[in-house]
């Protein structure tokens, strides 16, 4: 099943602990619920915004970040107040 890549921040935390040298804090770890199905959730990161701007209920869209041979799905805020 194809999905739109859009969703809503269901829950999140701002990590301020340096665990990996390649991932400097602070960064947001979030649970994003996809639009296509209630309860269909991904644990991911919210990127391309300040951590303090993230909030529950925030509309987001997928972006892919390449790491070697793989692409990881992260999410960024929808621009311009776009809705479902």
N, C-alpha and C. Protein backbone atom coordinates (compact mmCIF):
# COMPACT_ATOMS: atom_id res chain seq x y z
N UNK A 1 0.84 -1.18 0.00
CA UNK A 1 0.00 0.00 0.00
C UNK A 1 0.88 1.24 0.00
N UNK A 2 0.68 2.12 -0.93
CA UNK A 2 1.40 3.40 -0.98
C UNK A 2 0.83 4.34 0.07
N UNK A 3 1.69 5.16 0.64
CA UNK A 3 1.26 6.14 1.62
C UNK A 3 1.70 7.53 1.18
N UNK A 4 1.04 8.55 1.71
CA UNK A 4 1.29 9.93 1.30
C UNK A 4 2.58 10.50 1.86
N UNK A 5 3.07 9.94 2.95
CA UNK A 5 4.25 10.49 3.61
C UNK A 5 3.92 11.62 4.57
N UNK A 6 2.65 11.83 4.82
CA UNK A 6 2.23 12.87 5.76
C UNK A 6 1.70 12.24 7.03
N UNK A 7 1.84 12.98 8.11
CA UNK A 7 1.37 12.48 9.39
C UNK A 7 1.30 13.56 10.43
N UNK A 8 1.13 13.13 11.68
CA UNK A 8 0.98 14.02 12.82
C UNK A 8 1.87 13.53 13.94
N UNK A 9 2.52 14.49 14.62
CA UNK A 9 3.34 14.13 15.77
C UNK A 9 2.41 13.65 16.88
N UNK A 10 2.55 12.39 17.26
CA UNK A 10 1.73 11.78 18.30
C UNK A 10 2.36 12.02 19.68
N UNK A 11 3.69 11.91 19.74
CA UNK A 11 4.44 12.12 20.98
C UNK A 11 5.89 12.40 20.60
N UNK A 12 6.66 13.00 21.49
CA UNK A 12 8.06 13.27 21.17
C UNK A 12 8.85 13.57 22.44
N UNK A 13 10.16 13.54 22.30
CA UNK A 13 11.06 13.97 23.35
C UNK A 13 12.23 14.68 22.68
N UNK A 14 12.82 15.62 23.39
CA UNK A 14 14.02 16.29 22.90
C UNK A 14 15.21 15.66 23.61
N UNK A 15 16.08 15.04 22.83
CA UNK A 15 17.26 14.41 23.41
C UNK A 15 18.38 15.45 23.53
N UNK A 16 18.92 15.57 24.71
CA UNK A 16 20.00 16.52 24.96
C UNK A 16 21.29 15.82 25.37
N UNK A 17 21.29 14.48 25.33
CA UNK A 17 22.43 13.66 25.73
C UNK A 17 23.24 13.28 24.49
N UNK A 18 24.56 13.46 24.49
CA UNK A 18 25.36 13.06 23.33
C UNK A 18 25.66 11.56 23.33
N UNK A 19 24.93 10.80 22.51
CA UNK A 19 25.13 9.36 22.43
C UNK A 19 26.05 8.97 21.28
N UNK A 20 25.94 9.67 20.15
CA UNK A 20 26.74 9.36 18.97
C UNK A 20 27.44 10.63 18.49
N UNK A 21 28.73 10.56 18.17
CA UNK A 21 29.41 11.75 17.67
C UNK A 21 28.78 12.29 16.38
N UNK A 22 28.18 11.42 15.58
CA UNK A 22 27.57 11.86 14.32
C UNK A 22 26.19 12.48 14.51
N UNK A 23 25.68 12.49 15.74
CA UNK A 23 24.34 13.01 16.01
C UNK A 23 24.39 13.94 17.22
N UNK A 24 24.84 15.17 17.00
CA UNK A 24 24.97 16.10 18.13
C UNK A 24 23.61 16.55 18.65
N UNK A 25 23.46 16.63 19.97
CA UNK A 25 22.21 17.11 20.53
C UNK A 25 22.12 18.63 20.43
N UNK A 26 20.93 19.19 20.58
CA UNK A 26 19.67 18.49 20.82
C UNK A 26 19.03 18.02 19.50
N UNK A 27 18.25 16.95 19.60
CA UNK A 27 17.47 16.48 18.46
C UNK A 27 16.18 15.86 18.98
N UNK A 28 15.20 15.78 18.09
CA UNK A 28 13.87 15.30 18.46
C UNK A 28 13.67 13.86 18.00
N UNK A 29 13.28 13.00 18.95
CA UNK A 29 12.82 11.65 18.64
C UNK A 29 11.31 11.69 18.83
N UNK A 30 10.58 11.27 17.79
CA UNK A 30 9.13 11.41 17.82
C UNK A 30 8.43 10.13 17.37
N UNK A 31 7.20 9.99 17.81
CA UNK A 31 6.29 8.99 17.26
C UNK A 31 5.36 9.76 16.33
N UNK A 32 5.39 9.40 15.06
CA UNK A 32 4.55 10.06 14.05
C UNK A 32 3.49 9.07 13.60
N UNK A 33 2.24 9.52 13.65
CA UNK A 33 1.13 8.69 13.17
C UNK A 33 0.83 9.08 11.73
N UNK A 34 0.89 8.10 10.83
CA UNK A 34 0.65 8.36 9.41
C UNK A 34 -0.83 8.60 9.14
N UNK A 35 -1.10 9.42 8.13
CA UNK A 35 -2.48 9.80 7.79
C UNK A 35 -3.34 8.63 7.36
N UNK A 36 -2.72 7.63 6.74
CA UNK A 36 -3.49 6.58 6.09
C UNK A 36 -4.21 5.63 7.04
N UNK A 37 -3.76 5.57 8.29
CA UNK A 37 -4.40 4.61 9.21
C UNK A 37 -4.18 5.04 10.65
N UNK A 38 -5.25 5.18 11.38
CA UNK A 38 -5.14 5.48 12.81
C UNK A 38 -4.37 4.35 13.48
N UNK A 39 -3.39 4.71 14.29
CA UNK A 39 -2.59 3.72 14.99
C UNK A 39 -1.35 3.27 14.23
N UNK A 40 -1.21 3.68 12.96
CA UNK A 40 -0.02 3.34 12.17
C UNK A 40 1.05 4.38 12.49
N UNK A 41 2.00 3.99 13.35
CA UNK A 41 2.96 4.94 13.90
C UNK A 41 4.39 4.50 13.63
N UNK A 42 5.26 5.49 13.45
CA UNK A 42 6.69 5.27 13.27
C UNK A 42 7.45 6.03 14.35
N UNK A 43 8.50 5.41 14.88
CA UNK A 43 9.42 6.12 15.74
C UNK A 43 10.52 6.64 14.84
N UNK A 44 10.76 7.95 14.88
CA UNK A 44 11.62 8.60 13.92
C UNK A 44 12.17 9.88 14.51
N UNK A 45 12.77 10.71 13.69
CA UNK A 45 13.23 12.02 14.11
C UNK A 45 12.47 13.10 13.36
N UNK A 46 12.27 14.24 14.02
CA UNK A 46 11.75 15.44 13.36
C UNK A 46 12.96 16.33 13.08
N UNK A 47 13.12 16.72 11.83
CA UNK A 47 14.30 17.46 11.38
C UNK A 47 13.89 18.76 10.70
N UNK A 48 14.88 19.58 10.40
CA UNK A 48 14.70 20.83 9.65
C UNK A 48 13.85 21.85 10.38
N UNK A 49 13.93 21.82 11.72
CA UNK A 49 13.30 22.84 12.55
C UNK A 49 13.99 22.82 13.91
N UNK A 50 13.79 23.85 14.68
CA UNK A 50 14.34 23.89 16.04
C UNK A 50 13.57 22.91 16.91
N UNK A 51 14.25 22.17 17.78
CA UNK A 51 13.57 21.21 18.64
C UNK A 51 12.40 21.82 19.44
N UNK A 52 12.56 23.05 19.88
CA UNK A 52 11.51 23.69 20.68
C UNK A 52 10.27 24.03 19.87
N UNK A 53 10.34 23.95 18.54
CA UNK A 53 9.19 24.23 17.69
C UNK A 53 8.27 23.01 17.52
N UNK A 54 8.76 21.83 17.86
CA UNK A 54 7.97 20.61 17.69
C UNK A 54 6.90 20.54 18.77
N UNK A 55 5.70 20.09 18.39
CA UNK A 55 4.61 19.95 19.36
C UNK A 55 3.68 18.80 18.96
N UNK A 56 3.02 18.25 19.94
CA UNK A 56 2.04 17.19 19.69
C UNK A 56 0.93 17.76 18.82
N UNK A 57 0.54 16.99 17.83
CA UNK A 57 -0.48 17.44 16.89
C UNK A 57 0.08 18.15 15.67
N UNK A 58 1.38 18.37 15.63
CA UNK A 58 2.01 19.07 14.52
C UNK A 58 1.96 18.22 13.26
N UNK A 59 1.62 18.85 12.15
CA UNK A 59 1.57 18.19 10.86
C UNK A 59 2.98 18.12 10.28
N UNK A 60 3.35 16.93 9.78
CA UNK A 60 4.69 16.70 9.26
C UNK A 60 4.63 15.91 7.95
N UNK A 61 5.74 15.95 7.22
CA UNK A 61 5.86 15.20 5.98
C UNK A 61 7.22 14.52 5.93
N UNK A 62 7.30 13.41 5.24
CA UNK A 62 8.52 12.61 5.22
C UNK A 62 9.60 13.26 4.36
N UNK A 63 10.84 13.11 4.81
CA UNK A 63 12.04 13.43 4.03
C UNK A 63 12.98 12.25 4.24
N UNK A 64 13.77 11.94 3.24
CA UNK A 64 14.68 10.79 3.34
C UNK A 64 16.11 11.28 3.42
N UNK A 65 16.87 10.70 4.34
CA UNK A 65 18.27 11.05 4.53
C UNK A 65 19.12 9.82 4.22
N UNK A 66 20.09 10.00 3.32
CA UNK A 66 20.93 8.88 2.92
C UNK A 66 22.05 8.64 3.92
N UNK A 67 22.21 7.38 4.30
CA UNK A 67 23.29 6.92 5.16
C UNK A 67 23.91 5.69 4.49
N UNK A 68 25.01 5.92 3.77
CA UNK A 68 25.60 4.82 3.02
C UNK A 68 24.66 4.36 1.92
N UNK A 69 24.33 3.09 1.93
CA UNK A 69 23.46 2.52 0.90
C UNK A 69 21.98 2.55 1.26
N UNK A 70 21.64 3.12 2.41
CA UNK A 70 20.23 3.13 2.82
C UNK A 70 19.71 4.56 2.98
N UNK A 71 18.41 4.70 2.92
CA UNK A 71 17.74 5.98 3.12
C UNK A 71 16.82 5.84 4.33
N UNK A 72 16.98 6.74 5.30
CA UNK A 72 16.16 6.69 6.51
C UNK A 72 15.02 7.70 6.40
N UNK A 73 13.79 7.30 6.79
CA UNK A 73 12.67 8.24 6.75
C UNK A 73 12.63 9.08 8.03
N UNK A 74 12.78 10.38 7.86
CA UNK A 74 12.59 11.34 8.94
C UNK A 74 11.41 12.21 8.54
N UNK A 75 11.01 13.10 9.42
CA UNK A 75 9.88 13.98 9.13
C UNK A 75 10.24 15.42 9.42
N UNK A 76 9.64 16.34 8.65
CA UNK A 76 9.82 17.76 8.88
C UNK A 76 8.44 18.41 8.90
N UNK A 77 8.34 19.59 9.54
CA UNK A 77 7.04 20.27 9.58
C UNK A 77 6.54 20.59 8.18
N UNK A 78 5.22 20.45 8.00
CA UNK A 78 4.60 20.89 6.74
C UNK A 78 4.70 22.39 6.67
N UNK A 79 4.97 22.91 5.50
CA UNK A 79 5.10 24.36 5.30
C UNK A 79 3.74 25.00 5.05
N UNK A 80 3.60 26.22 5.49
CA UNK A 80 2.42 27.01 5.16
C UNK A 80 1.11 26.52 5.74
N UNK A 81 1.16 25.77 6.83
CA UNK A 81 -0.07 25.33 7.49
C UNK A 81 -0.87 24.33 6.69
N UNK A 82 -0.21 23.57 5.82
CA UNK A 82 -0.92 22.56 5.04
C UNK A 82 -1.63 21.57 5.95
N UNK A 83 -2.78 21.14 5.54
CA UNK A 83 -3.56 20.17 6.33
C UNK A 83 -3.55 18.81 5.66
N UNK A 84 -4.36 17.94 6.19
CA UNK A 84 -4.51 16.59 5.63
C UNK A 84 -4.92 16.72 4.23
